[in-house]
PDB file of N, CA and C in Angstrom:
ATOM      1  N   UNK A   1     160.001 -72.882   7.686  1.00  0.00           N
ATOM      2  CA  UNK A   1     159.499 -74.221   7.530  1.00  0.00           C
ATOM      3  C   UNK A   1     158.529 -74.238   6.355  1.00  0.00           C
ATOM      4  N   UNK A   2     158.720 -75.168   5.448  1.00  0.00           N
ATOM      5  CA  UNK A   2     157.874 -75.270   4.254  1.00  0.00           C
ATOM      6  C   UNK A   2     156.520 -75.865   4.611  1.00  0.00           C
ATOM      7  N   UNK A   3     155.497 -75.377   3.942  1.00  0.00           N
ATOM      8  CA  UNK A   3     154.150 -75.871   4.170  1.00  0.00           C
ATOM      9  C   UNK A   3     153.979 -77.218   3.475  1.00  0.00           C
ATOM     10  N   UNK A   4     153.422 -78.177   4.202  1.00  0.00           N
ATOM     11  CA  UNK A   4     153.221 -79.512   3.633  1.00  0.00           C
ATOM     12  C   UNK A   4     152.021 -79.512   2.707  1.00  0.00           C
ATOM     13  N   UNK A   5     152.118 -80.299   1.661  1.00  0.00           N
ATOM     14  CA  UNK A   5     150.991 -80.452   0.755  1.00  0.00           C
ATOM     15  C   UNK A   5     149.969 -81.377   1.387  1.00  0.00           C
ATOM     16  N   UNK A   6     148.722 -81.066   1.171  1.00  0.00           N
ATOM     17  CA  UNK A   6     147.649 -81.888   1.701  1.00  0.00           C
ATOM     18  C   UNK A   6     147.504 -83.141   0.852  1.00  0.00           C
ATOM     19  N   UNK A   7     147.475 -84.277   1.514  1.00  0.00           N
ATOM     20  CA  UNK A   7     147.353 -85.545   0.805  1.00  0.00           C
ATOM     21  C   UNK A   7     145.904 -85.770   0.389  1.00  0.00           C
ATOM     22  N   UNK A   8     144.955 -85.373   1.232  1.00  0.00           N
ATOM     23  CA  UNK A   8     143.560 -85.678   0.960  1.00  0.00           C
ATOM     24  C   UNK A   8     142.926 -84.774  -0.090  1.00  0.00           C
ATOM     25  N   UNK A   9     143.408 -83.568  -0.228  1.00  0.00           N
ATOM     26  CA  UNK A   9     142.803 -82.674  -1.219  1.00  0.00           C
ATOM     27  C   UNK A   9     143.883 -81.861  -1.923  1.00  0.00           C
ATOM     28  N   UNK A  10     144.379 -82.364  -3.037  1.00  0.00           N
ATOM     29  CA  UNK A  10     145.414 -81.634  -3.766  1.00  0.00           C
ATOM     30  C   UNK A  10     144.867 -80.330  -4.331  1.00  0.00           C
ATOM     31  N   UNK A  11     145.745 -79.372  -4.487  1.00  0.00           N
ATOM     32  CA  UNK A  11     145.333 -78.067  -4.995  1.00  0.00           C
ATOM     33  C   UNK A  11     144.923 -78.151  -6.455  1.00  0.00           C
ATOM     34  N   UNK A  12     143.895 -77.379  -6.770  1.00  0.00           N
ATOM     35  CA  UNK A  12     143.412 -77.326  -8.139  1.00  0.00           C
ATOM     36  C   UNK A  12     144.284 -76.362  -8.931  1.00  0.00           C
ATOM     37  N   UNK A  13     144.514 -76.676 -10.186  1.00  0.00           N
ATOM     38  CA  UNK A  13     145.320 -75.807 -11.031  1.00  0.00           C
ATOM     39  C   UNK A  13     144.561 -74.516 -11.293  1.00  0.00           C
ATOM     40  N   UNK A  14     145.197 -73.389 -11.092  1.00  0.00           N
ATOM     41  CA  UNK A  14     144.559 -72.094 -11.307  1.00  0.00           C
ATOM     42  C   UNK A  14     144.630 -71.722 -12.783  1.00  0.00           C
ATOM     43  N   UNK A  15     143.524 -71.163 -13.269  1.00  0.00           N
ATOM     44  CA  UNK A  15     143.473 -70.697 -14.649  1.00  0.00           C
ATOM     45  C   UNK A  15     143.380 -69.182 -14.654  1.00  0.00           C
ATOM     46  N   UNK A  16     144.022 -68.590 -15.612  1.00  0.00           N
ATOM     47  CA  UNK A  16     143.952 -67.137 -15.744  1.00  0.00           C
ATOM     48  C   UNK A  16     142.550 -66.728 -16.174  1.00  0.00           C
ATOM     49  N   UNK A  17     142.102 -65.567 -15.742  1.00  0.00           N
ATOM     50  CA  UNK A  17     140.772 -65.075 -16.108  1.00  0.00           C
ATOM     51  C   UNK A  17     140.641 -64.949 -17.619  1.00  0.00           C
ATOM     52  N   UNK A  18     141.724 -64.593 -18.280  1.00  0.00           N
ATOM     53  CA  UNK A  18     141.661 -64.453 -19.735  1.00  0.00           C
ATOM     54  C   UNK A  18     141.341 -65.783 -20.405  1.00  0.00           C
ATOM     55  N   UNK A  19     141.789 -66.876 -19.830  1.00  0.00           N
ATOM     56  CA  UNK A  19     141.490 -68.200 -20.378  1.00  0.00           C
ATOM     57  C   UNK A  19     140.042 -68.572 -20.089  1.00  0.00           C
ATOM     58  N   UNK A  20     139.581 -68.279 -18.873  1.00  0.00           N
ATOM     59  CA  UNK A  20     138.221 -68.644 -18.486  1.00  0.00           C
ATOM     60  C   UNK A  20     137.158 -67.913 -19.288  1.00  0.00           C
ATOM     61  N   UNK A  21     137.358 -66.633 -19.530  1.00  0.00           N
ATOM     62  CA  UNK A  21     136.303 -65.814 -20.091  1.00  0.00           C
ATOM     63  C   UNK A  21     136.459 -65.495 -21.573  1.00  0.00           C
ATOM     64  N   UNK A  22     137.542 -65.907 -22.184  1.00  0.00           N
ATOM     65  CA  UNK A  22     137.708 -65.619 -23.606  1.00  0.00           C
ATOM     66  C   UNK A  22     137.827 -66.873 -24.452  1.00  0.00           C
ATOM     67  N   UNK A  23     137.865 -68.037 -23.827  1.00  0.00           N
ATOM     68  CA  UNK A  23     137.939 -69.279 -24.588  1.00  0.00           C
ATOM     69  C   UNK A  23     136.571 -69.567 -25.188  1.00  0.00           C
ATOM     70  N   UNK A  24     136.497 -69.741 -26.507  1.00  0.00           N
ATOM     71  CA  UNK A  24     135.198 -70.013 -27.125  1.00  0.00           C
ATOM     72  C   UNK A  24     134.658 -71.375 -26.683  1.00  0.00           C
ATOM     73  N   UNK A  25     133.332 -71.473 -26.590  1.00  0.00           N
ATOM     74  CA  UNK A  25     132.737 -72.743 -26.196  1.00  0.00           C
ATOM     75  C   UNK A  25     132.560 -73.627 -27.425  1.00  0.00           C
ATOM     76  N   UNK A  26     132.478 -74.924 -27.193  1.00  0.00           N
ATOM     77  CA  UNK A  26     132.339 -75.885 -28.286  1.00  0.00           C
ATOM     78  C   UNK A  26     130.942 -75.784 -28.893  1.00  0.00           C
ATOM     79  N   UNK A  27     130.819 -76.229 -30.137  1.00  0.00           N
ATOM     80  CA  UNK A  27     129.526 -76.185 -30.832  1.00  0.00           C
ATOM     81  C   UNK A  27     128.462 -76.968 -30.080  1.00  0.00           C
ATOM     82  N   UNK A  28     128.828 -78.111 -29.529  1.00  0.00           N
ATOM     83  CA  UNK A  28     127.880 -78.939 -28.779  1.00  0.00           C
ATOM     84  C   UNK A  28     127.374 -78.192 -27.540  1.00  0.00           C
ATOM     85  N   UNK A  29     128.276 -77.528 -26.823  1.00  0.00           N
ATOM     86  CA  UNK A  29     127.884 -76.756 -25.643  1.00  0.00           C
ATOM     87  C   UNK A  29     126.980 -75.583 -26.027  1.00  0.00           C
ATOM     88  N   UNK A  30     127.309 -74.902 -27.124  1.00  0.00           N
ATOM     89  CA  UNK A  30     126.497 -73.786 -27.596  1.00  0.00           C
ATOM     90  C   UNK A  30     125.091 -74.264 -27.948  1.00  0.00           C
ATOM     91  N   UNK A  31     124.998 -75.435 -28.582  1.00  0.00           N
ATOM     92  CA  UNK A  31     123.712 -76.000 -28.950  1.00  0.00           C
ATOM     93  C   UNK A  31     122.880 -76.336 -27.709  1.00  0.00           C
ATOM     94  N   UNK A  32     123.535 -76.899 -26.699  1.00  0.00           N
ATOM     95  CA  UNK A  32     122.841 -77.211 -25.441  1.00  0.00           C
ATOM     96  C   UNK A  32     122.303 -75.940 -24.786  1.00  0.00           C
ATOM     97  N   UNK A  33     123.104 -74.899 -24.750  1.00  0.00           N
ATOM     98  CA  UNK A  33     122.677 -73.629 -24.163  1.00  0.00           C
ATOM     99  C   UNK A  33     121.506 -73.015 -24.928  1.00  0.00           C
ATOM    100  N   UNK A  34     121.550 -73.101 -26.241  1.00  0.00           N
ATOM    101  CA  UNK A  34     120.450 -72.566 -27.045  1.00  0.00           C
ATOM    102  C   UNK A  34     119.163 -73.346 -26.785  1.00  0.00           C
ATOM    103  N   UNK A  35     119.263 -74.687 -26.645  1.00  0.00           N
ATOM    104  CA  UNK A  35     118.081 -75.501 -26.353  1.00  0.00           C
ATOM    105  C   UNK A  35     117.492 -75.158 -24.995  1.00  0.00           C
ATOM    106  N   UNK A  36     118.356 -74.937 -24.014  1.00  0.00           N
ATOM    107  CA  UNK A  36     117.880 -74.566 -22.680  1.00  0.00           C
ATOM    108  C   UNK A  36     117.198 -73.200 -22.733  1.00  0.00           C
ATOM    109  N   UNK A  37     117.763 -72.264 -23.467  1.00  0.00           N
ATOM    110  CA  UNK A  37     117.183 -70.927 -23.581  1.00  0.00           C
ATOM    111  C   UNK A  37     115.820 -70.957 -24.264  1.00  0.00           C
ATOM    112  N   UNK A  38     115.609 -71.905 -25.177  1.00  0.00           N
ATOM    113  CA  UNK A  38     114.342 -72.017 -25.903  1.00  0.00           C
ATOM    114  C   UNK A  38     113.250 -72.683 -25.072  1.00  0.00           C
ATOM    115  N   UNK A  39     113.633 -73.389 -24.006  1.00  0.00           N
ATOM    116  CA  UNK A  39     112.657 -74.099 -23.189  1.00  0.00           C
ATOM    117  C   UNK A  39     111.760 -73.106 -22.456  1.00  0.00           C
ATOM    118  N   UNK A  40     110.421 -73.228 -22.627  1.00  0.00           N
ATOM    119  CA  UNK A  40     109.531 -72.312 -21.896  1.00  0.00           C
ATOM    120  C   UNK A  40     109.559 -72.593 -20.398  1.00  0.00           C
ATOM    121  N   UNK A  41     109.331 -71.554 -19.596  1.00  0.00           N
ATOM    122  CA  UNK A  41     109.367 -71.696 -18.139  1.00  0.00           C
ATOM    123  C   UNK A  41     108.376 -72.732 -17.634  1.00  0.00           C
ATOM    124  N   UNK A  42     107.241 -72.874 -18.309  1.00  0.00           N
ATOM    125  CA  UNK A  42     106.205 -73.814 -17.874  1.00  0.00           C
ATOM    126  C   UNK A  42     106.688 -75.264 -17.937  1.00  0.00           C
ATOM    127  N   UNK A  43     107.682 -75.542 -18.770  1.00  0.00           N
ATOM    128  CA  UNK A  43     108.173 -76.923 -18.912  1.00  0.00           C
ATOM    129  C   UNK A  43     109.349 -77.237 -17.982  1.00  0.00           C
ATOM    130  N   UNK A  44     109.788 -76.275 -17.204  1.00  0.00           N
ATOM    131  CA  UNK A  44     110.910 -76.498 -16.289  1.00  0.00           C
ATOM    132  C   UNK A  44     110.380 -77.130 -15.011  1.00  0.00           C
ATOM    133  N   UNK A  45     111.027 -78.209 -14.565  1.00  0.00           N
ATOM    134  CA  UNK A  45     110.604 -78.922 -13.357  1.00  0.00           C
ATOM    135  C   UNK A  45     111.301 -78.307 -12.146  1.00  0.00           C
ATOM    136  N   UNK A  46     110.520 -77.659 -11.275  1.00  0.00           N
ATOM    137  CA  UNK A  46     111.053 -77.028 -10.067  1.00  0.00           C
ATOM    138  C   UNK A  46     110.796 -77.869  -8.822  1.00  0.00           C
ATOM    139  N   UNK A  47     110.369 -79.109  -8.969  1.00  0.00           N
ATOM    140  CA  UNK A  47     109.956 -79.930  -7.830  1.00  0.00           C
ATOM    141  C   UNK A  47     111.104 -80.250  -6.875  1.00  0.00           C
ATOM    142  N   UNK A  48     112.331 -80.260  -7.372  1.00  0.00           N
ATOM    143  CA  UNK A  48     113.461 -80.602  -6.502  1.00  0.00           C
ATOM    144  C   UNK A  48     114.052 -79.387  -5.793  1.00  0.00           C
ATOM    145  N   UNK A  49     113.511 -78.196  -6.028  1.00  0.00           N
ATOM    146  CA  UNK A  49     113.994 -76.985  -5.364  1.00  0.00           C
ATOM    147  C   UNK A  49     113.153 -76.756  -4.116  1.00  0.00           C
ATOM    148  N   UNK A  50     113.825 -76.580  -2.970  1.00  0.00           N
ATOM    149  CA  UNK A  50     113.059 -76.392  -1.738  1.00  0.00           C
ATOM    150  C   UNK A  50     112.471 -74.985  -1.700  1.00  0.00           C
ATOM    151  N   UNK A  51     111.343 -74.881  -1.047  1.00  0.00           N
ATOM    152  CA  UNK A  51     110.626 -73.616  -0.972  1.00  0.00           C
ATOM    153  C   UNK A  51     111.282 -72.691   0.052  1.00  0.00           C
ATOM    154  N   UNK A  52     111.309 -71.415  -0.265  1.00  0.00           N
ATOM    155  CA  UNK A  52     111.862 -70.441   0.670  1.00  0.00           C
ATOM    156  C   UNK A  52     110.885 -70.230   1.821  1.00  0.00           C
ATOM    157  N   UNK A  53     111.392 -70.270   3.028  1.00  0.00           N
ATOM    158  CA  UNK A  53     110.547 -70.104   4.215  1.00  0.00           C
ATOM    159  C   UNK A  53     110.486 -68.654   4.670  1.00  0.00           C
ATOM    160  N   UNK A  54     111.590 -67.936   4.552  1.00  0.00           N
ATOM    161  CA  UNK A  54     111.672 -66.576   5.068  1.00  0.00           C
ATOM    162  C   UNK A  54     111.281 -65.571   3.997  1.00  0.00           C
ATOM    163  N   UNK A  55     110.612 -64.531   4.417  1.00  0.00           N
ATOM    164  CA  UNK A  55     110.284 -63.474   3.471  1.00  0.00           C
ATOM    165  C   UNK A  55     111.496 -62.559   3.308  1.00  0.00           C
ATOM    166  N   UNK A  56     111.457 -61.761   2.289  1.00  0.00           N
ATOM    167  CA  UNK A  56     112.583 -60.877   1.998  1.00  0.00           C
ATOM    168  C   UNK A  56     112.812 -59.861   3.109  1.00  0.00           C
ATOM    169  N   UNK A  57     111.767 -59.503   3.830  1.00  0.00           N
ATOM    170  CA  UNK A  57     111.883 -58.481   4.878  1.00  0.00           C
ATOM    171  C   UNK A  57     112.636 -58.968   6.106  1.00  0.00           C
ATOM    172  N   UNK A  58     112.793 -60.284   6.269  1.00  0.00           N
ATOM    173  CA  UNK A  58     113.464 -60.793   7.461  1.00  0.00           C
ATOM    174  C   UNK A  58     114.966 -60.975   7.243  1.00  0.00           C
ATOM    175  N   UNK A  59     115.463 -60.634   6.077  1.00  0.00           N
ATOM    176  CA  UNK A  59     116.887 -60.760   5.800  1.00  0.00           C
ATOM    177  C   UNK A  59     117.636 -59.724   6.625  1.00  0.00           C
ATOM    178  N   UNK A  60     118.694 -60.151   7.290  1.00  0.00           N
ATOM    179  CA  UNK A  60     119.481 -59.230   8.098  1.00  0.00           C
ATOM    180  C   UNK A  60     120.470 -58.487   7.214  1.00  0.00           C
ATOM    181  N   UNK A  61     120.205 -57.247   6.952  1.00  0.00           N
ATOM    182  CA  UNK A  61     121.111 -56.441   6.153  1.00  0.00           C
ATOM    183  C   UNK A  61     122.301 -56.084   7.022  1.00  0.00           C
ATOM    184  N   UNK A  62     123.487 -56.287   6.493  1.00  0.00           N
ATOM    185  CA  UNK A  62     124.686 -55.938   7.224  1.00  0.00           C
ATOM    186  C   UNK A  62     125.400 -57.126   7.840  1.00  0.00           C
ATOM    187  N   UNK A  63     124.723 -58.263   7.978  1.00  0.00           N
ATOM    188  CA  UNK A  63     125.392 -59.419   8.559  1.00  0.00           C
ATOM    189  C   UNK A  63     126.210 -60.139   7.496  1.00  0.00           C
ATOM    190  N   UNK A  64     125.580 -60.545   6.410  1.00  0.00           N
ATOM    191  CA  UNK A  64     126.294 -61.182   5.306  1.00  0.00           C
ATOM    192  C   UNK A  64     126.171 -60.352   4.034  1.00  0.00           C
ATOM    193  N   UNK A  65     125.058 -59.622   3.914  1.00  0.00           N
ATOM    194  CA  UNK A  65     124.795 -58.817   2.728  1.00  0.00           C
ATOM    195  C   UNK A  65     125.228 -57.381   2.999  1.00  0.00           C
ATOM    196  N   UNK A  66     126.033 -56.854   2.145  1.00  0.00           N
ATOM    197  CA  UNK A  66     126.468 -55.466   2.267  1.00  0.00           C
ATOM    198  C   UNK A  66     125.970 -54.689   1.054  1.00  0.00           C
ATOM    199  N   UNK A  67     124.981 -53.798   1.247  1.00  0.00           N
ATOM    200  CA  UNK A  67     124.489 -53.030   0.108  1.00  0.00           C
ATOM    201  C   UNK A  67     125.567 -52.103  -0.445  1.00  0.00           C
ATOM    202  N   UNK A  68     125.444 -51.787  -1.704  1.00  0.00           N
ATOM    203  CA  UNK A  68     126.394 -50.876  -2.341  1.00  0.00           C
ATOM    204  C   UNK A  68     126.153 -49.473  -1.804  1.00  0.00           C
ATOM    205  N   UNK A  69     127.194 -48.818  -1.384  1.00  0.00           N
ATOM    206  CA  UNK A  69     127.091 -47.446  -0.874  1.00  0.00           C
ATOM    207  C   UNK A  69     127.233 -46.478  -2.037  1.00  0.00           C
ATOM    208  N   UNK A  70     126.519 -45.373  -1.951  1.00  0.00           N
ATOM    209  CA  UNK A  70     126.582 -44.355  -2.986  1.00  0.00           C
ATOM    210  C   UNK A  70     126.812 -43.009  -2.330  1.00  0.00           C
ATOM    211  N   UNK A  71     127.766 -42.276  -2.855  1.00  0.00           N
ATOM    212  CA  UNK A  71     128.085 -40.959  -2.332  1.00  0.00           C
ATOM    213  C   UNK A  71     127.035 -39.960  -2.806  1.00  0.00           C
ATOM    214  N   UNK A  72     126.412 -39.259  -1.847  1.00  0.00           N
ATOM    215  CA  UNK A  72     125.400 -38.258  -2.192  1.00  0.00           C
ATOM    216  C   UNK A  72     125.687 -36.973  -1.432  1.00  0.00           C
ATOM    217  N   UNK A  73     125.112 -35.902  -1.916  1.00  0.00           N
ATOM    218  CA  UNK A  73     125.195 -34.619  -1.239  1.00  0.00           C
ATOM    219  C   UNK A  73     123.768 -34.181  -0.965  1.00  0.00           C
ATOM    220  N   UNK A  74     123.444 -33.928   0.302  1.00  0.00           N
ATOM    221  CA  UNK A  74     122.087 -33.509   0.655  1.00  0.00           C
ATOM    222  C   UNK A  74     122.140 -32.243   1.489  1.00  0.00           C
ATOM    223  N   UNK A  75     121.051 -31.530   1.486  1.00  0.00           N
ATOM    224  CA  UNK A  75     120.910 -30.351   2.343  1.00  0.00           C
ATOM    225  C   UNK A  75     119.964 -30.725   3.468  1.00  0.00           C
ATOM    226  N   UNK A  76     120.379 -30.466   4.702  1.00  0.00           N
ATOM    227  CA  UNK A  76     119.527 -30.765   5.858  1.00  0.00           C
ATOM    228  C   UNK A  76     119.657 -29.651   6.881  1.00  0.00           C
ATOM    229  N   UNK A  77     118.720 -29.595   7.779  1.00  0.00           N
ATOM    230  CA  UNK A  77     118.734 -28.569   8.821  1.00  0.00           C
ATOM    231  C   UNK A  77     119.990 -28.716   9.678  1.00  0.00           C
ATOM    232  N   UNK A  78     120.592 -27.599  10.046  1.00  0.00           N
ATOM    233  CA  UNK A  78     121.841 -27.593  10.805  1.00  0.00           C
ATOM    234  C   UNK A  78     121.683 -28.274  12.159  1.00  0.00           C
ATOM    235  N   UNK A  79     120.543 -28.052  12.836  1.00  0.00           N
ATOM    236  CA  UNK A  79     120.363 -28.667  14.153  1.00  0.00           C
ATOM    237  C   UNK A  79     120.228 -30.189  14.043  1.00  0.00           C
ATOM    238  N   UNK A  80     119.626 -30.659  12.953  1.00  0.00           N
ATOM    239  CA  UNK A  80     119.504 -32.098  12.733  1.00  0.00           C
ATOM    240  C   UNK A  80     120.873 -32.728  12.507  1.00  0.00           C
ATOM    241  N   UNK A  81     121.687 -32.091  11.682  1.00  0.00           N
ATOM    242  CA  UNK A  81     123.036 -32.584  11.418  1.00  0.00           C
ATOM    243  C   UNK A  81     123.876 -32.554  12.694  1.00  0.00           C
ATOM    244  N   UNK A  82     123.756 -31.499  13.486  1.00  0.00           N
ATOM    245  CA  UNK A  82     124.500 -31.406  14.748  1.00  0.00           C
ATOM    246  C   UNK A  82     124.109 -32.529  15.700  1.00  0.00           C
ATOM    247  N   UNK A  83     122.813 -32.863  15.727  1.00  0.00           N
ATOM    248  CA  UNK A  83     122.352 -33.949  16.594  1.00  0.00           C
ATOM    249  C   UNK A  83     122.974 -35.280  16.184  1.00  0.00           C
ATOM    250  N   UNK A  84     122.998 -35.553  14.876  1.00  0.00           N
ATOM    251  CA  UNK A  84     123.620 -36.801  14.406  1.00  0.00           C
ATOM    252  C   UNK A  84     125.122 -36.799  14.676  1.00  0.00           C
ATOM    253  N   UNK A  85     125.789 -35.688  14.432  1.00  0.00           N
ATOM    254  CA  UNK A  85     127.237 -35.612  14.649  1.00  0.00           C
ATOM    255  C   UNK A  85     127.594 -35.772  16.120  1.00  0.00           C
ATOM    256  N   UNK A  86     126.703 -35.371  17.012  1.00  0.00           N
ATOM    257  CA  UNK A  86     126.963 -35.495  18.447  1.00  0.00           C
ATOM    258  C   UNK A  86     127.002 -36.964  18.885  1.00  0.00           C
ATOM    259  N   UNK A  87     126.517 -37.849  18.070  1.00  0.00           N
ATOM    260  CA  UNK A  87     126.502 -39.277  18.403  1.00  0.00           C
ATOM    261  C   UNK A  87     127.876 -39.920  18.248  1.00  0.00           C
ATOM    262  N   UNK A  88     128.819 -39.243  17.583  1.00  0.00           N
ATOM    263  CA  UNK A  88     130.163 -39.794  17.476  1.00  0.00           C
ATOM    264  C   UNK A  88     130.665 -39.861  16.039  1.00  0.00           C
ATOM    265  N   UNK A  89     131.804 -40.523  15.899  1.00  0.00           N
ATOM    266  CA  UNK A  89     132.485 -40.587  14.609  1.00  0.00           C
ATOM    267  C   UNK A  89     131.652 -41.245  13.515  1.00  0.00           C
ATOM    268  N   UNK A  90     130.874 -42.234  13.860  1.00  0.00           N
ATOM    269  CA  UNK A  90     130.123 -42.975  12.844  1.00  0.00           C
ATOM    270  C   UNK A  90     128.697 -42.446  12.700  1.00  0.00           C
ATOM    271  N   UNK A  91     128.572 -41.140  12.717  1.00  0.00           N
ATOM    272  CA  UNK A  91     127.227 -40.549  12.644  1.00  0.00           C
ATOM    273  C   UNK A  91     126.557 -40.836  11.301  1.00  0.00           C
ATOM    274  N   UNK A  92     127.339 -40.947  10.223  1.00  0.00           N
ATOM    275  CA  UNK A  92     126.742 -41.234   8.922  1.00  0.00           C
ATOM    276  C   UNK A  92     126.177 -42.656   8.888  1.00  0.00           C
ATOM    277  N   UNK A  93     126.855 -43.587   9.523  1.00  0.00           N
ATOM    278  CA  UNK A  93     126.351 -44.955   9.619  1.00  0.00           C
ATOM    279  C   UNK A  93     125.046 -44.967  10.398  1.00  0.00           C
ATOM    280  N   UNK A  94     124.990 -44.172  11.472  1.00  0.00           N
ATOM    281  CA  UNK A  94     123.763 -44.091  12.266  1.00  0.00           C
ATOM    282  C   UNK A  94     122.629 -43.467  11.444  1.00  0.00           C
ATOM    283  N   UNK A  95     122.937 -42.455  10.658  1.00  0.00           N
ATOM    284  CA  UNK A  95     121.929 -41.846   9.791  1.00  0.00           C
ATOM    285  C   UNK A  95     121.382 -42.884   8.813  1.00  0.00           C
ATOM    286  N   UNK A  96     122.258 -43.703   8.270  1.00  0.00           N
ATOM    287  CA  UNK A  96     121.855 -44.757   7.346  1.00  0.00           C
ATOM    288  C   UNK A  96     120.923 -45.753   8.042  1.00  0.00           C
ATOM    289  N   UNK A  97     121.264 -46.123   9.286  1.00  0.00           N
ATOM    290  CA  UNK A  97     120.440 -47.076  10.039  1.00  0.00           C
ATOM    291  C   UNK A  97     119.050 -46.497  10.318  1.00  0.00           C
ATOM    292  N   UNK A  98     118.988 -45.214  10.685  1.00  0.00           N
ATOM    293  CA  UNK A  98     117.701 -44.561  10.962  1.00  0.00           C
ATOM    294  C   UNK A  98     116.846 -44.547   9.696  1.00  0.00           C
ATOM    295  N   UNK A  99     117.446 -44.186   8.564  1.00  0.00           N
ATOM    296  CA  UNK A  99     116.705 -44.148   7.306  1.00  0.00           C
ATOM    297  C   UNK A  99     116.248 -45.545   6.885  1.00  0.00           C
ATOM    298  N   UNK A 100     117.088 -46.558   7.111  1.00  0.00           N
ATOM    299  CA  UNK A 100     116.716 -47.931   6.756  1.00  0.00           C
ATOM    300  C   UNK A 100     115.538 -48.409   7.614  1.00  0.00           C
ATOM    301  N   UNK A 101     115.566 -48.113   8.921  1.00  0.00           N
ATOM    302  CA  UNK A 101     114.433 -48.498   9.797  1.00  0.00           C
ATOM    303  C   UNK A 101     113.142 -47.848   9.328  1.00  0.00           C
ATOM    304  N   UNK A 102     113.227 -46.578   8.961  1.00  0.00           N
ATOM    305  CA  UNK A 102     112.046 -45.870   8.470  1.00  0.00           C
ATOM    306  C   UNK A 102     111.538 -46.495   7.169  1.00  0.00           C
ATOM    307  N   UNK A 103     112.457 -46.838   6.272  1.00  0.00           N
ATOM    308  CA  UNK A 103     112.076 -47.465   5.014  1.00  0.00           C
ATOM    309  C   UNK A 103     111.395 -48.811   5.259  1.00  0.00           C
ATOM    310  N   UNK A 104     111.961 -49.633   6.161  1.00  0.00           N
ATOM    311  CA  UNK A 104     111.383 -50.942   6.447  1.00  0.00           C
ATOM    312  C   UNK A 104     110.027 -50.817   7.114  1.00  0.00           C
ATOM    313  N   UNK A 105     109.866 -49.839   7.997  1.00  0.00           N
ATOM    314  CA  UNK A 105     108.578 -49.624   8.646  1.00  0.00           C
ATOM    315  C   UNK A 105     107.532 -49.214   7.613  1.00  0.00           C
ATOM    316  N   UNK A 106     107.928 -48.397   6.666  1.00  0.00           N
ATOM    317  CA  UNK A 106     107.018 -47.952   5.620  1.00  0.00           C
ATOM    318  C   UNK A 106     106.632 -49.128   4.724  1.00  0.00           C
ATOM    319  N   UNK A 107     107.588 -50.012   4.430  1.00  0.00           N
ATOM    320  CA  UNK A 107     107.328 -51.174   3.562  1.00  0.00           C
ATOM    321  C   UNK A 107     106.375 -52.161   4.244  1.00  0.00           C
ATOM    322  N   UNK A 108     106.397 -52.227   5.565  1.00  0.00           N
ATOM    323  CA  UNK A 108     105.534 -53.158   6.295  1.00  0.00           C
ATOM    324  C   UNK A 108     104.137 -52.583   6.507  1.00  0.00           C
ATOM    325  N   UNK A 109     103.914 -51.365   6.070  1.00  0.00           N
ATOM    326  CA  UNK A 109     102.602 -50.761   6.167  1.00  0.00           C
ATOM    327  C   UNK A 109     102.271 -50.229   7.544  1.00  0.00           C
ATOM    328  N   UNK A 110     103.222 -49.886   8.301  1.00  0.00           N
ATOM    329  CA  UNK A 110     103.147 -49.314   9.645  1.00  0.00           C
ATOM    330  C   UNK A 110     101.830 -48.811  10.024  1.00  0.00           C
TER     331      UNK A 110
END
């Protein structure tokens, strides 16, 4: 069965990335960008931007934000590694969580 086209919201034409990122901008657009870049920060009106209520420390890492993982090689005591491995298959994830809690506690001035 063929999928029906939506009457209320027609599909937007897709553009190739090569067209989006390699097409030169017009002189007028370039001039506007240069004028914006020259504007000092003190002259920018921020009155219509709402103030952030939450501090950076209350952001839930792992819910929507996924930090970049980096492969490392470390040396640790054998009994410590055995204890983490005894927790199951995702022992490295648990190690990451323990280190993150320690880092956050240190940042809060424990």
